[in-house]
Amino acid sequence: MKLYNKLPPLIVYVFFLWFILTSININKAFHIDDTFHLEAAEWIRNNPLKPMSGLINWGDQKEAIYEFNQPPLFFYFVSLSLTIFGDSEIFLHLFFSIFTFIALLFFSKLSNFLKVRSPFLLLTIFAFCPAFIVNQNLMTDVPILAISLVVMYCLLKGQNRDSFKYYLLSSIILSIGLLIKYTLLPLLLVILITILATGKFKKSVVVVVPLVVLLIWSIWNLFEFNFIHLFFRTTSISGLNQNNILAFMATLGAVTIITVVYIYNLIPSKITSLLIISSSAFFLLLIPLVYFDIIKEARFNSLLNYIFIINGTLLTLLICYQVIHSLISQRENFLRSPFFSLALYIIGVSAFIVLFAPFNATRHVLLLIPFILLFGHTFLERTPTIINTIMVITTIIVGLLLGISDWLYADFYRKNSQNLSFKNQKVWSIGHWGWQWYSKKTGMIIYSEEEEFNIREGEIIIIPKDVSSQKLSKDIQLDTIQFITETPTFFTFFSGKNFASMYNSFRDKPSWSLSKMPIDTIFICQVTKELEIEDIVNRIKSDDKRLFEMKNKALNKGISFDSLLMMEATRALDKKRNSK
């Protein structure tokens, strides 16, 4: 008998979805934070016992890895894959697609566990969620999504069977996840409260496992760099305020439309169904009107952002209503049900993102999507087929279009960096994300603040316009001698290219929009003025403390202040240039 015939149909569908998602991502250029992870992994290959001490240029100058948000376990995985496969996009993406498969598999296992009557429907909506398709890079978010699904599956199994083994397994797997990203910290409370709600207090001892792992990690921190990374990271946090809450709602509302299912089940009527169908048709009609400039892009995208905010806010309120309603109507039965644990997860992770994430992004809310779907699965089963069909088709189309658009967005920097050639000229690169990786591979020098003295007149500096970039000294002057851009197509019309909005969104900058603008423009510039002695003199004069010290030094040496100033400026400039 063939293997296909032995497999349950849902598992076959999991493989099918994994194949589609992996195919979309397989040769995608390294993008956004991929570069940071690759450079951290290269450091770890040579310094495995000091994973956080490497220096990476991810701002205006090189900084230690411990200055950034993440613990390093994922970097070890990337390092291992680099050692085995090299830096091939195809092999690295194929290697890390195992996390995509685990996420799909354990979502399907949770669907079976919760006795979902429409598992194929739920799995399709999850798989084609734009946040899932787009964020299949070499970043941490799909791996911790997979881990969170495994943790919750083991936890609910433990609750169902009153099994210490499954509780312990959920804690061990969570410990692994916490060494990849601290975003999973709320799961500590989810595990603890779930066990306590069943009255099995002694079994709550399993939460000691991740606490011990974090303690060992913190001791390692003290030996490596003298402070505890979890508590004293320098990256700013967002905090609870109106802007961050609205940004979170907009990001959530941009990647799921399951809200319509909650609305229909709250007000189940033909009028509600008709309103949902007509609203969907109206929105669909607007898209070609925007594409052919009958409706202005800016006006539509402003409306779209409000729709995202309203959608995310409604979904959040409806979930909260359902949790409160279940608590009141079911009381202890709800507290001991798997849906209470799902609610704890959704509330805990949402609060963590709003309070502690330095910005909002689709990769953050991706952690919520499968659990929102599972929490509301009974609503889907009571919703008319036509509404579910609209939701599935919309999710697939938007997910695929944004996935293709993001592939082209990433490829723009890979392709154009490889096409640039300057013989017998020193070429500098300004800009991070995927551009940094590819420009470095072609031999460009990555600019940082300490390199400003080494940029000389006549040299080339290449700068993509819409990429997170280092600040170039205002004393260095450039002339643009050429620029590179590309004509947009329909495949970039559904766009996350507004300063990587699918990876970095705010209240007034939606995760995606409709845009016929080019992906980006790369400026090729020539240095017309390098840093000179007069610039160093002006810097010294602008520093009151240093100026005071220089005046005293001139008096003590018995020379004029201007002479000393010129001597110090000349010495400083020569020292900086000769140090390289």
Protein backbone atom coordinates (compact mmCIF):
# COMPACT_ATOMS: atom_id res chain seq x y z
CA MET A 1 0.00 0.00 0.00
CA LYS A 2 1.32 3.45 -0.85
CA LEU A 3 2.32 5.83 1.93
CA TYR A 4 -0.32 8.32 0.74
CA ASN A 5 -3.08 5.81 1.47
CA LYS A 6 -1.79 5.21 5.00
CA LEU A 7 -1.75 8.87 5.99
CA PRO A 8 -4.79 10.59 7.48
CA PRO A 9 -6.19 13.12 4.97
CA LEU A 10 -5.45 16.09 7.26
CA ILE A 11 -1.76 15.13 7.42
CA VAL A 12 -1.69 14.94 3.63
CA TYR A 13 -3.16 18.44 3.54
CA VAL A 14 -0.51 19.64 6.02
CA PHE A 15 2.20 18.41 3.63
CA PHE A 16 0.42 20.07 0.71
CA LEU A 17 0.24 23.43 2.50
CA TRP A 18 3.85 23.12 3.66
CA PHE A 19 4.91 22.52 0.04
CA ILE A 20 3.06 25.64 -1.16
CA LEU A 21 4.42 27.89 1.60
CA THR A 22 7.96 26.58 1.18
CA SER A 23 7.78 27.02 -2.60
CA ILE A 24 6.85 30.69 -2.16
CA ASN A 25 9.80 31.22 0.17
CA ILE A 26 12.40 28.81 -1.21
CA ASN A 27 14.60 31.23 -3.15
CA LYS A 28 13.55 34.44 -1.44
CA ALA A 29 16.40 36.88 -0.89
CA PHE A 30 17.58 37.42 2.65
CA HIS A 31 15.44 40.22 3.99
CA ILE A 32 15.10 42.63 6.95
CA ASP A 33 16.51 40.99 10.13
CA ASP A 34 17.86 37.96 8.24
CA THR A 35 21.14 39.83 7.85
CA PHE A 36 21.49 40.41 11.59
CA HIS A 37 20.85 36.72 12.26
CA LEU A 38 23.32 35.60 9.60
CA GLU A 39 26.05 37.89 10.94
CA ALA A 40 25.37 36.77 14.52
CA ALA A 41 25.56 33.15 13.34
CA GLU A 42 28.89 33.77 11.60
CA TRP A 43 30.25 35.17 14.86
CA ILE A 44 28.99 32.16 16.84
CA ARG A 45 30.64 29.71 14.43
CA ASN A 46 34.01 31.02 15.59
CA ASN A 47 33.04 32.02 19.15
CA PRO A 48 30.45 29.49 20.39
CA LEU A 49 31.08 30.24 24.08
CA LYS A 50 30.65 34.01 23.69
CA PRO A 51 27.49 34.20 21.58
CA MET A 52 26.46 37.71 22.65
CA SER A 53 29.83 39.46 22.34
CA GLY A 54 30.06 39.81 18.58
CA LEU A 55 29.81 43.26 17.00
CA ILE A 56 27.18 43.94 14.35
CA ASN A 57 26.56 47.15 12.44
CA TRP A 58 22.80 47.55 12.83
CA GLY A 59 22.58 51.25 13.62
CA ASP A 60 25.07 54.05 13.09
CA GLN A 61 27.97 51.97 14.38
CA LYS A 62 28.87 48.44 15.42
CA GLU A 63 27.32 47.26 18.67
CA ALA A 64 27.54 44.06 20.68
CA ILE A 65 24.81 41.46 20.16
CA TYR A 66 23.87 41.76 23.84
CA GLU A 67 22.70 45.31 23.15
CA PHE A 68 19.83 43.88 21.10
CA ASN A 69 16.64 42.08 22.05
CA GLN A 70 17.17 38.39 21.46
CA PRO A 71 18.92 35.54 23.26
CA PRO A 72 21.11 33.50 20.91
CA LEU A 73 19.75 29.95 20.60
CA PHE A 74 18.27 30.60 17.16
CA PHE A 75 21.63 31.99 16.02
CA TYR A 76 23.18 28.60 16.86
CA PHE A 77 20.63 26.94 14.55
CA VAL A 78 21.51 29.40 11.79
CA SER A 79 25.21 28.81 12.45
CA LEU A 80 24.72 25.05 12.13
CA SER A 81 22.86 25.46 8.85
CA LEU A 82 25.56 27.81 7.51
CA THR A 83 28.17 25.19 8.36
CA ILE A 84 26.23 22.45 6.57
CA PHE A 85 24.75 24.32 3.60
CA GLY A 86 26.74 27.54 3.27
CA ASP A 87 24.82 30.78 2.73
CA SER A 88 22.58 29.49 -0.06
CA GLU A 89 19.10 30.99 0.18
CA ILE A 90 17.52 27.80 -1.15
CA PHE A 91 19.12 25.41 1.32
CA LEU A 92 18.77 27.72 4.32
CA HIS A 93 15.08 28.37 3.64
CA LEU A 94 14.49 24.67 3.04
CA PHE A 95 16.25 23.82 6.30
CA PHE A 96 14.20 26.32 8.30
CA SER A 97 10.95 25.33 6.61
CA ILE A 98 10.86 22.54 9.18
CA PHE A 99 9.44 25.15 11.57
CA THR A 100 6.69 25.95 9.06
CA PHE A 101 5.86 22.25 8.92
CA ILE A 102 5.85 21.90 12.73
CA ALA A 103 3.53 24.91 13.03
CA LEU A 104 1.08 23.46 10.50
CA LEU A 105 1.30 19.97 12.00
CA PHE A 106 0.64 21.01 15.59
CA PHE A 107 -2.10 23.40 14.56
CA SER A 108 -3.80 20.41 12.92
CA LYS A 109 -3.17 18.29 16.04
CA LEU A 110 -4.73 21.00 18.21
CA SER A 111 -7.69 21.11 15.80
CA ASN A 112 -8.17 17.37 16.25
CA PHE A 113 -7.76 17.65 20.01
CA LEU A 114 -10.43 20.36 20.21
CA LYS A 115 -12.69 18.31 17.91
CA VAL A 116 -12.86 21.02 15.26
CA ARG A 117 -15.48 19.99 12.71
CA SER A 118 -13.92 22.02 9.88
CA PRO A 119 -10.17 21.42 10.33
CA PHE A 120 -9.37 21.92 6.63
CA LEU A 121 -11.08 25.31 6.65
CA LEU A 122 -9.23 26.41 9.77
CA LEU A 123 -5.89 25.11 8.53
CA THR A 124 -6.29 26.92 5.20
CA ILE A 125 -7.03 30.25 6.89
CA PHE A 126 -4.00 29.80 9.15
CA ALA A 127 -1.61 28.73 6.38
CA PHE A 128 -2.49 31.58 4.01
CA CYS A 129 -2.56 34.27 6.68
CA PRO A 130 -0.40 37.11 5.23
CA ALA A 131 1.62 37.28 8.45
CA PHE A 132 2.54 33.59 8.09
CA ILE A 133 3.43 33.66 4.39
CA VAL A 134 5.50 36.87 4.52
CA ASN A 135 7.44 36.10 7.72
CA GLN A 136 8.97 32.82 6.52
CA ASN A 137 12.46 34.27 6.53
CA LEU A 138 15.49 33.45 8.68
CA MET A 139 13.90 35.30 11.57
CA THR A 140 12.73 33.94 14.90
CA ASP A 141 8.99 34.37 14.54
CA VAL A 142 7.94 31.20 12.70
CA PRO A 143 10.21 29.09 14.96
CA ILE A 144 8.64 30.51 18.13
CA LEU A 145 5.19 30.18 16.55
CA ALA A 146 5.91 26.48 16.04
CA ILE A 147 7.22 26.17 19.60
CA SER A 148 4.19 27.95 21.07
CA LEU A 149 1.85 25.54 19.25
CA VAL A 150 3.80 22.53 20.55
CA VAL A 151 3.81 23.96 24.10
CA MET A 152 0.05 24.54 24.05
CA TYR A 153 -0.63 21.11 22.57
CA CYS A 154 1.38 19.41 25.34
CA LEU A 155 -0.24 21.62 27.98
CA LEU A 156 -3.78 20.81 26.84
CA LYS A 157 -2.89 17.12 26.59
CA GLY A 158 -1.59 17.28 30.14
CA GLN A 159 -4.77 19.00 31.30
CA ASN A 160 -6.96 16.46 29.51
CA ARG A 161 -5.10 13.40 30.81
CA ASP A 162 -3.99 14.87 34.14
CA SER A 163 -0.49 13.94 32.96
CA PHE A 164 2.63 15.23 34.68
CA LYS A 165 4.65 14.00 31.69
CA TYR A 166 2.86 16.32 29.25
CA TYR A 167 3.02 19.26 31.68
CA LEU A 168 6.75 18.70 32.04
CA LEU A 169 7.18 18.39 28.29
CA SER A 170 5.37 21.71 27.72
CA SER A 171 7.74 23.40 30.20
CA ILE A 172 10.85 21.90 28.62
CA ILE A 173 9.81 23.01 25.13
CA LEU A 174 8.95 26.47 26.47
CA SER A 175 12.48 26.66 27.92
CA ILE A 176 13.88 26.15 24.43
CA GLY A 177 11.60 28.87 23.07
CA LEU A 178 12.64 31.37 25.75
CA LEU A 179 16.26 31.02 24.63
CA ILE A 180 15.12 32.05 21.14
CA LYS A 181 12.86 34.97 22.06
CA TYR A 182 11.54 36.35 25.34
CA THR A 183 8.13 36.97 23.77
CA LEU A 184 7.11 33.52 25.01
CA LEU A 185 7.43 34.56 28.67
CA PRO A 186 3.62 34.85 29.09
CA LEU A 187 3.41 31.09 28.49
CA LEU A 188 4.99 30.58 31.91
CA LEU A 189 1.84 32.04 33.45
CA VAL A 190 -0.39 30.16 31.00
CA ILE A 191 1.13 26.84 32.11
CA LEU A 192 0.99 27.76 35.79
CA ILE A 193 -2.60 29.06 35.80
CA THR A 194 -3.85 26.16 33.67
CA ILE A 195 -2.44 23.63 36.14
CA LEU A 196 -3.68 25.56 39.18
CA ALA A 197 -7.17 25.85 37.65
CA THR A 198 -7.40 22.05 37.58
CA GLY A 199 -6.59 21.90 41.30
CA LYS A 200 -3.41 19.84 40.74
CA PHE A 201 -1.17 22.23 42.68
CA LYS A 202 1.80 19.88 43.05
CA LYS A 203 2.15 19.54 39.29
CA SER A 204 2.74 23.28 38.99
CA VAL A 205 6.33 22.49 39.98
CA VAL A 206 7.02 22.01 36.24
CA VAL A 207 7.34 25.79 35.80
CA VAL A 208 10.60 25.53 37.71
CA VAL A 209 12.21 24.12 34.55
CA PRO A 210 12.04 27.32 32.43
CA LEU A 211 12.88 29.40 35.52
CA VAL A 212 16.04 27.34 36.09
CA VAL A 213 16.95 27.64 32.40
CA LEU A 214 16.55 31.44 32.59
CA LEU A 215 18.64 31.47 35.79
CA ILE A 216 21.46 29.53 34.10
CA TRP A 217 21.24 31.84 31.08
CA SER A 218 21.43 34.88 33.38
CA ILE A 219 24.54 33.50 35.13
CA TRP A 220 26.10 32.97 31.69
CA ASN A 221 25.31 36.63 30.93
CA LEU A 222 27.15 37.77 34.06
CA PHE A 223 30.26 35.84 33.06
CA GLU A 224 30.14 37.01 29.45
CA PHE A 225 29.17 40.69 29.71
CA ASN A 226 28.47 41.52 33.38
CA PHE A 227 24.70 42.08 33.34
CA ILE A 228 21.52 40.05 32.91
CA HIS A 229 20.28 40.36 29.34
CA LEU A 230 16.61 39.73 30.14
CA PHE A 231 16.37 42.68 32.52
CA PHE A 232 18.90 45.21 31.25
CA ARG A 233 18.59 45.29 27.49
CA THR A 234 19.12 48.79 26.10
CA THR A 235 16.47 48.46 23.37
CA SER A 236 13.55 50.70 24.23
CA ILE A 237 10.10 49.26 24.96
CA SER A 238 6.86 50.71 23.72
CA GLY A 239 4.78 50.89 26.91
CA LEU A 240 1.04 51.23 27.31
CA ASN A 241 -0.25 54.27 25.44
CA GLN A 242 -2.86 55.11 22.85
CA ASN A 243 -0.51 55.05 19.87
CA ASN A 244 0.82 51.58 20.67
CA ILE A 245 -2.63 50.15 21.33
CA LEU A 246 -3.96 51.53 18.03
CA ALA A 247 -0.86 50.28 16.19
CA PHE A 248 -1.41 46.82 17.66
CA MET A 249 -5.08 46.85 16.63
CA ALA A 250 -4.18 48.00 13.11
CA THR A 251 -1.54 45.29 12.72
CA LEU A 252 -3.90 42.58 13.96
CA GLY A 253 -6.70 43.88 11.74
CA ALA A 254 -4.44 43.89 8.68
CA VAL A 255 -3.80 40.13 8.68
CA THR A 256 -7.11 38.47 9.61
CA ILE A 257 -10.78 38.90 8.78
CA ILE A 258 -12.16 36.26 11.16
CA THR A 259 -13.88 39.22 12.82
CA VAL A 260 -16.80 38.74 10.40
CA VAL A 261 -17.41 35.30 11.90
CA TYR A 262 -17.53 36.70 15.44
CA ILE A 263 -19.90 39.46 14.27
CA TYR A 264 -22.24 37.02 12.54
CA ASN A 265 -22.41 34.78 15.62
CA LEU A 266 -23.12 37.77 17.84
CA ILE A 267 -25.93 38.94 15.54
CA PRO A 268 -26.93 35.87 13.48
CA SER A 269 -29.39 37.07 10.87
CA LYS A 270 -29.86 37.36 7.13
CA ILE A 271 -29.28 41.11 7.37
CA THR A 272 -25.88 40.54 9.02
CA SER A 273 -24.97 38.01 6.34
CA LEU A 274 -26.08 40.40 3.58
CA LEU A 275 -24.07 43.28 5.09
CA ILE A 276 -20.91 41.13 5.27
CA ILE A 277 -21.32 39.93 1.68
CA SER A 278 -22.10 43.39 0.28
CA SER A 279 -19.21 44.99 2.21
CA SER A 280 -16.82 42.39 0.79
CA ALA A 281 -18.09 43.00 -2.75
CA PHE A 282 -17.80 46.78 -2.32
CA PHE A 283 -14.21 46.48 -1.07
CA LEU A 284 -13.33 44.19 -3.98
CA LEU A 285 -14.78 46.74 -6.42
CA LEU A 286 -12.60 49.52 -5.01
CA ILE A 287 -9.31 47.73 -5.77
CA PRO A 288 -9.39 48.10 -9.60
CA LEU A 289 -10.61 51.67 -9.16
CA VAL A 290 -7.45 52.41 -7.17
CA TYR A 291 -5.24 50.52 -9.63
CA PHE A 292 -6.53 52.57 -12.58
CA ASP A 293 -6.25 55.84 -10.61
CA ILE A 294 -9.99 56.48 -10.47
CA ILE A 295 -9.62 56.61 -6.68
CA LYS A 296 -6.44 58.16 -5.28
CA GLU A 297 -4.06 55.73 -3.58
CA ALA A 298 -3.48 57.98 -0.59
CA ARG A 299 -7.20 58.39 0.08
CA PHE A 300 -7.89 54.67 -0.19
CA ASN A 301 -4.91 53.71 1.97
CA SER A 302 -6.04 56.13 4.66
CA LEU A 303 -9.45 54.42 4.60
CA LEU A 304 -7.74 51.02 4.62
CA ASN A 305 -5.80 51.93 7.75
CA TYR A 306 -9.01 52.91 9.55
CA ILE A 307 -10.56 49.61 8.45
CA PHE A 308 -7.58 47.74 9.90
CA ILE A 309 -7.85 49.60 13.22
CA ILE A 310 -11.61 49.00 13.44
CA ASN A 311 -11.22 45.34 12.43
CA GLY A 312 -8.51 44.67 15.03
CA THR A 313 -10.39 46.56 17.74
CA LEU A 314 -13.67 44.74 17.05
CA LEU A 315 -11.92 41.37 17.05
CA THR A 316 -10.25 42.13 20.38
CA LEU A 317 -13.50 43.33 21.97
CA LEU A 318 -15.46 40.34 20.65
CA ILE A 319 -12.88 37.88 22.02
CA CYS A 320 -12.97 39.65 25.39
CA TYR A 321 -16.78 39.50 25.33
CA GLN A 322 -16.69 35.79 24.58
CA VAL A 323 -14.23 35.14 27.43
CA ILE A 324 -16.35 37.10 29.92
CA HIS A 325 -19.55 35.44 28.69
CA SER A 326 -17.99 31.98 29.07
CA LEU A 327 -16.72 32.80 32.57
CA ILE A 328 -20.17 33.94 33.67
CA SER A 329 -22.14 31.14 32.03
CA GLN A 330 -19.79 28.19 32.58
CA ARG A 331 -17.77 29.30 35.62
CA GLU A 332 -15.54 26.47 36.86
CA ASN A 333 -16.20 24.37 33.77
CA PHE A 334 -14.71 27.12 31.61
CA LEU A 335 -11.70 27.50 33.92
CA ARG A 336 -10.96 23.81 33.48
CA SER A 337 -11.56 23.78 29.74
CA PRO A 338 -8.89 24.11 27.02
CA PHE A 339 -10.56 27.32 25.84
CA PHE A 340 -9.59 29.03 29.10
CA SER A 341 -5.94 28.20 28.35
CA LEU A 342 -6.33 29.52 24.80
CA ALA A 343 -7.85 32.73 26.19
CA LEU A 344 -4.96 33.07 28.67
CA TYR A 345 -2.50 32.69 25.80
CA ILE A 346 -4.23 35.30 23.61
CA ILE A 347 -4.53 37.82 26.46
CA GLY A 348 -1.01 37.21 27.80
CA VAL A 349 0.83 37.41 24.48
CA SER A 350 -1.23 40.43 23.36
CA ALA A 351 -0.40 42.29 26.57
CA PHE A 352 3.29 41.42 26.21
CA ILE A 353 3.40 42.74 22.64
CA VAL A 354 1.64 46.00 23.52
CA LEU A 355 3.73 46.61 26.64
CA PHE A 356 7.19 45.39 25.67
CA ALA A 357 7.62 45.16 21.91
CA PRO A 358 9.70 48.13 20.64
CA PHE A 359 7.33 48.39 17.66
CA ASN A 360 4.39 46.53 16.16
CA ALA A 361 4.79 44.08 13.31
CA THR A 362 2.84 41.32 11.60
CA ARG A 363 5.41 38.83 12.87
CA HIS A 364 4.40 39.72 16.43
CA VAL A 365 0.66 39.24 15.94
CA LEU A 366 1.37 36.04 13.99
CA LEU A 367 1.76 34.38 17.40
CA LEU A 368 -1.91 35.13 18.09
CA ILE A 369 -3.51 34.05 14.82
CA PRO A 370 -3.69 30.25 15.27
CA PHE A 371 -5.05 30.58 18.80
CA ILE A 372 -7.67 33.15 17.79
CA LEU A 373 -8.79 30.72 15.07
CA LEU A 374 -8.93 27.79 17.50
CA PHE A 375 -10.70 29.84 20.17
CA GLY A 376 -13.43 30.79 17.70
CA HIS A 377 -13.66 27.55 15.74
CA THR A 378 -17.24 26.82 16.87
CA PHE A 379 -18.27 30.17 15.40
CA LEU A 380 -16.93 29.17 11.98
CA GLU A 381 -18.97 25.98 12.15
CA ARG A 382 -22.16 28.00 12.76
CA THR A 383 -21.43 30.59 10.07
CA PRO A 384 -23.06 30.35 6.60
CA THR A 385 -20.92 28.69 3.97
CA ILE A 386 -20.87 31.79 1.77
CA ILE A 387 -19.30 33.93 4.53
CA ASN A 388 -16.68 31.27 5.26
CA THR A 389 -15.98 30.95 1.54
CA ILE A 390 -15.48 34.72 1.20
CA MET A 391 -13.14 34.68 4.20
CA VAL A 392 -11.05 31.78 2.86
CA ILE A 393 -10.80 33.16 -0.69
CA THR A 394 -9.91 36.64 0.58
CA THR A 395 -7.26 35.22 2.93
CA ILE A 396 -5.69 33.11 0.18
CA ILE A 397 -5.63 35.92 -2.40
CA VAL A 398 -4.32 38.63 -0.06
CA GLY A 399 -1.82 36.22 1.52
CA LEU A 400 -0.42 35.10 -1.83
CA LEU A 401 -0.29 38.61 -3.31
CA LEU A 402 1.51 40.01 -0.26
CA GLY A 403 3.84 36.99 -0.23
CA ILE A 404 4.77 37.48 -3.90
CA SER A 405 5.13 41.24 -3.40
CA ASP A 406 7.45 40.72 -0.43
CA TRP A 407 9.53 38.22 -2.45
CA LEU A 408 10.01 40.87 -5.15
CA TYR A 409 10.74 43.50 -2.50
CA ALA A 410 13.55 41.38 -1.04
CA ASP A 411 14.87 40.43 -4.47
CA PHE A 412 15.20 44.07 -5.55
CA TYR A 413 18.23 44.55 -3.28
CA ARG A 414 19.82 41.18 -4.09
CA LYS A 415 19.50 41.65 -7.84
CA ASN A 416 20.66 45.26 -7.99
CA SER A 417 23.60 44.82 -5.63
CA GLN A 418 24.89 42.06 -7.91
CA ASN A 419 24.48 44.22 -11.02
CA LEU A 420 26.64 47.05 -9.69
CA SER A 421 30.31 47.08 -10.68
CA PHE A 422 32.95 49.77 -10.12
CA LYS A 423 36.45 48.85 -11.22
CA ASN A 424 39.42 50.33 -9.37
CA GLN A 425 37.16 52.37 -7.08
CA LYS A 426 36.49 52.10 -3.38
CA VAL A 427 32.75 51.59 -2.87
CA TRP A 428 30.87 52.17 0.39
CA SER A 429 27.43 50.85 1.25
CA ILE A 430 24.92 52.62 3.49
CA GLY A 431 21.79 50.75 4.57
CA HIS A 432 20.92 47.69 6.62
CA TRP A 433 18.45 44.80 6.17
CA GLY A 434 18.97 42.51 3.16
CA TRP A 435 20.84 45.23 1.29
CA GLN A 436 23.66 45.09 3.86
CA TRP A 437 24.18 41.35 3.33
CA TYR A 438 24.23 41.48 -0.46
CA SER A 439 26.25 44.68 -0.83
CA LYS A 440 28.87 43.26 1.53
CA LYS A 441 29.03 40.06 -0.54
CA THR A 442 29.80 42.08 -3.67
CA GLY A 443 32.79 43.70 -1.95
CA MET A 444 31.31 47.00 -0.78
CA ILE A 445 32.48 48.36 2.57
CA ILE A 446 29.68 48.73 5.11
CA TYR A 447 29.75 52.28 6.44
CA SER A 448 29.65 53.01 10.16
CA GLU A 449 30.20 56.16 12.19
CA GLU A 450 33.82 55.28 12.99
CA GLU A 451 34.56 54.98 9.25
CA GLU A 452 33.72 58.60 8.43
CA PHE A 453 37.39 59.64 8.49
CA ASN A 454 38.27 57.00 5.89
CA ILE A 455 35.86 58.19 3.21
CA ARG A 456 37.88 60.13 0.64
CA GLU A 457 37.00 62.43 -2.21
CA GLY A 458 36.13 60.60 -5.44
CA GLU A 459 34.99 57.39 -3.75
CA ILE A 460 31.55 55.89 -4.35
CA ILE A 461 28.76 55.62 -1.77
CA ILE A 462 25.62 53.61 -2.61
CA ILE A 463 22.44 54.34 -0.65
CA PRO A 464 18.97 52.76 -1.00
CA LYS A 465 16.37 55.40 -0.15
CA ASP A 466 13.82 53.35 1.80
CA VAL A 467 16.04 51.19 4.00
CA SER A 468 17.01 51.61 7.64
CA SER A 469 20.38 53.34 7.32
CA GLN A 470 23.39 54.73 9.10
CA LYS A 471 23.63 58.50 9.38
CA LEU A 472 26.29 59.94 7.12
CA SER A 473 28.27 62.84 8.55
CA LYS A 474 26.93 66.18 7.32
CA ASP A 475 30.54 67.22 6.71
CA ILE A 476 30.80 64.67 3.89
CA GLN A 477 29.19 65.94 0.69
CA LEU A 478 27.93 63.82 -2.21
CA ASP A 479 26.78 64.18 -5.79
CA THR A 480 24.31 61.66 -7.21
CA ILE A 481 25.78 60.29 -10.45
CA GLN A 482 23.20 57.58 -11.13
CA PHE A 483 20.12 55.97 -9.64
CA ILE A 484 18.44 52.59 -10.02
CA THR A 485 14.74 51.88 -9.73
CA GLU A 486 12.18 49.53 -11.26
CA THR A 487 8.77 50.02 -12.82
CA PRO A 488 6.10 48.65 -10.47
CA THR A 489 3.77 45.87 -11.61
CA PHE A 490 0.48 44.42 -10.40
CA PHE A 491 2.50 41.93 -8.33
CA THR A 492 3.87 44.77 -6.21
CA PHE A 493 0.51 46.58 -6.02
CA PHE A 494 -0.42 44.84 -2.76
CA SER A 495 2.50 46.37 -0.97
CA GLY A 496 4.43 46.04 2.26
CA LYS A 497 7.31 48.11 0.93
CA ASN A 498 6.53 51.32 2.80
CA PHE A 499 9.74 51.19 4.84
CA ALA A 500 9.14 47.44 5.35
CA SER A 501 5.66 48.02 6.77
CA MET A 502 4.90 44.28 7.06
CA TYR A 503 7.84 44.13 9.47
CA ASN A 504 7.48 47.48 11.18
CA SER A 505 4.13 49.25 11.46
CA PHE A 506 2.64 52.14 13.42
CA ARG A 507 -0.73 53.75 13.96
CA ASP A 508 -0.42 55.89 10.83
CA LYS A 509 1.60 53.37 8.81
CA PRO A 510 -0.49 50.27 8.03
CA SER A 511 1.12 46.87 7.60
CA TRP A 512 0.20 46.84 3.93
CA SER A 513 -1.39 49.15 1.41
CA LEU A 514 -2.07 49.49 -2.31
CA SER A 515 0.79 51.18 -4.12
CA LYS A 516 1.97 51.72 -7.70
CA MET A 517 5.18 53.32 -6.47
CA PRO A 518 8.51 51.63 -7.28
CA ILE A 519 9.86 49.24 -4.65
CA ASP A 520 12.76 51.57 -3.89
CA THR A 521 15.41 53.76 -5.49
CA ILE A 522 19.13 53.09 -5.07
CA PHE A 523 21.30 56.21 -5.33
CA ILE A 524 24.88 55.90 -6.57
CA CYS A 525 26.82 58.88 -5.27
CA GLN A 526 30.36 60.21 -5.52
CA VAL A 527 32.11 61.94 -2.64
CA THR A 528 32.78 65.58 -3.55
CA LYS A 529 34.01 66.64 -0.11
CA GLU A 530 35.65 64.44 2.51
CA LEU A 531 36.06 65.15 6.20
CA GLU A 532 38.69 67.90 6.59
CA ILE A 533 40.71 69.52 9.35
CA GLU A 534 38.32 72.48 9.48
CA ASP A 535 35.46 70.08 10.24
CA ILE A 536 37.39 68.62 13.20
CA VAL A 537 38.13 72.14 14.43
CA ASN A 538 34.44 73.04 14.30
CA ARG A 539 33.56 69.87 16.22
CA ILE A 540 36.04 70.74 18.96
CA LYS A 541 34.66 74.28 19.16
CA SER A 542 31.10 72.97 19.52
CA ASP A 543 32.09 70.85 22.56
CA ASP A 544 32.23 73.29 25.51
CA LYS A 545 34.02 70.90 27.85
CA ARG A 546 36.68 69.98 25.32
CA LEU A 547 37.07 73.62 24.30
CA PHE A 548 37.73 74.62 27.92
CA GLU A 549 40.35 71.87 28.27
CA MET A 550 42.06 72.97 25.06
CA LYS A 551 42.27 76.59 26.20
CA ASN A 552 43.90 75.54 29.49
CA LYS A 553 46.29 73.28 27.62
CA ALA A 554 47.29 76.15 25.30
CA LEU A 555 47.99 78.40 28.30
CA ASN A 556 50.09 75.73 30.01
CA LYS A 557 52.13 75.14 26.85
CA GLY A 558 52.53 78.81 26.11
CA ILE A 559 51.21 78.61 22.56
CA SER A 560 48.25 80.24 20.88
CA PHE A 561 44.90 78.54 21.16
CA ASP A 562 44.40 78.54 17.36
CA SER A 563 47.76 76.83 16.82
CA LEU A 564 46.97 74.13 19.37
CA LEU A 565 43.53 73.66 17.86
CA MET A 566 44.99 73.07 14.39
CA MET A 567 47.63 70.72 15.79
CA GLU A 568 45.06 68.65 17.70
CA ALA A 569 42.68 68.52 14.73
CA THR A 570 45.49 67.42 12.38
CA ARG A 571 46.69 64.78 14.85
CA ALA A 572 43.15 63.46 15.38
CA LEU A 573 42.48 63.21 11.65
CA ASP A 574 45.81 61.45 10.94
CA LYS A 575 45.31 59.07 13.86
CA LYS A 576 41.84 58.06 12.72
CA ARG A 577 42.92 57.51 9.13
CA ASN A 578 46.09 55.62 10.02
CA SER A 579 44.29 53.37 12.50
CA LYS A 580 42.66 51.45 9.66
